[in-house]
Amino acid sequence: RGAFVLRHVDGLPEPQVLEVLRSAGVDDPAGALRAADRLDLGNGATAASVLPAAAHSEFDACTVHAQ
């Protein structure tokens, strides 16, 4: 999830995503990025339709809302 958000919401290029994931202690940053890219390929149209709105709003991927 972190790789996907860094890549597609924050818009970071691959080298920066890998650096952030390494700094966060991710065991396999390259594997996480590959998984994010596979998710994007499988759901690209759906993800792309919501990401621009999320990136330009008060969206916070770390916030959980309970109702």
Protein backbone atom coordinates (compact mmCIF):
# COMPACT_ATOMS: atom_id res chain seq x y z
CA ARG A 1 0.00 0.00 0.00
CA GLY A 2 2.78 2.38 0.86
CA ALA A 3 4.51 1.86 -2.48
CA PHE A 4 1.24 2.44 -4.33
CA VAL A 5 0.52 5.68 -2.46
CA LEU A 6 4.07 6.96 -2.84
CA ARG A 7 4.05 6.19 -6.54
CA HIS A 8 0.55 7.26 -7.55
CA VAL A 9 -0.73 9.72 -4.96
CA ASP A 10 2.53 11.43 -4.06
CA GLY A 11 3.85 11.05 -7.63
CA LEU A 12 7.36 9.99 -6.62
CA PRO A 13 9.60 8.40 -9.25
CA GLU A 14 10.83 4.84 -8.72
CA PRO A 15 14.22 5.72 -7.16
CA GLN A 16 12.59 7.93 -4.54
CA VAL A 17 9.90 5.35 -3.75
CA LEU A 18 12.61 2.75 -3.18
CA GLU A 19 14.58 5.15 -0.98
CA VAL A 20 11.55 5.98 1.18
CA LEU A 21 10.60 2.32 1.53
CA ARG A 22 14.17 1.40 2.52
CA SER A 23 14.23 4.23 5.07
CA ALA A 24 10.94 2.94 6.50
CA GLY A 25 12.48 -0.49 7.03
CA VAL A 26 10.62 -2.37 4.30
CA ASP A 27 12.30 -5.76 3.85
CA ASP A 28 11.85 -5.86 0.06
CA PRO A 29 11.32 -2.36 -1.38
CA ALA A 30 11.69 -3.54 -4.98
CA GLY A 31 9.12 -6.29 -4.38
CA ALA A 32 6.71 -3.77 -2.86
CA LEU A 33 7.11 -1.52 -5.88
CA ARG A 34 6.54 -4.45 -8.26
CA ALA A 35 3.37 -5.33 -6.35
CA ALA A 36 2.17 -1.72 -6.60
CA ASP A 37 2.84 -1.72 -10.33
CA ARG A 38 0.93 -5.02 -10.76
CA LEU A 39 -1.99 -3.57 -8.83
CA ASP A 40 -1.90 -0.51 -11.07
CA LEU A 41 -1.92 -2.69 -14.20
CA GLY A 42 -4.84 -4.73 -12.93
CA ASN A 43 -6.90 -1.79 -11.70
CA GLY A 44 -5.35 1.12 -13.55
CA ALA A 45 -8.52 2.70 -14.89
CA THR A 46 -10.28 2.52 -11.53
CA ALA A 47 -7.30 3.75 -9.54
CA ALA A 48 -6.50 6.51 -12.01
CA SER A 49 -10.05 7.83 -11.79
CA VAL A 50 -9.87 8.46 -8.02
CA LEU A 51 -6.21 9.35 -7.51
CA PRO A 52 -6.21 12.85 -9.05
CA ALA A 53 -9.08 13.89 -6.79
CA ALA A 54 -7.38 12.37 -3.78
CA ALA A 55 -4.06 14.02 -4.51
CA HIS A 56 -5.61 17.49 -4.65
CA SER A 57 -7.91 17.31 -1.65
CA GLU A 58 -7.59 16.81 2.05
CA PHE A 59 -6.99 13.11 1.40
CA ASP A 60 -4.78 11.43 3.97
CA ALA A 61 -3.99 7.78 3.27
CA CYS A 62 -3.11 7.27 6.94
CA THR A 63 -6.47 8.42 8.30
CA VAL A 64 -9.15 5.91 9.20
CA HIS A 65 -12.71 7.11 9.60
CA ALA A 66 -15.16 5.05 11.63
CA GLN A 67 -18.88 5.67 11.49
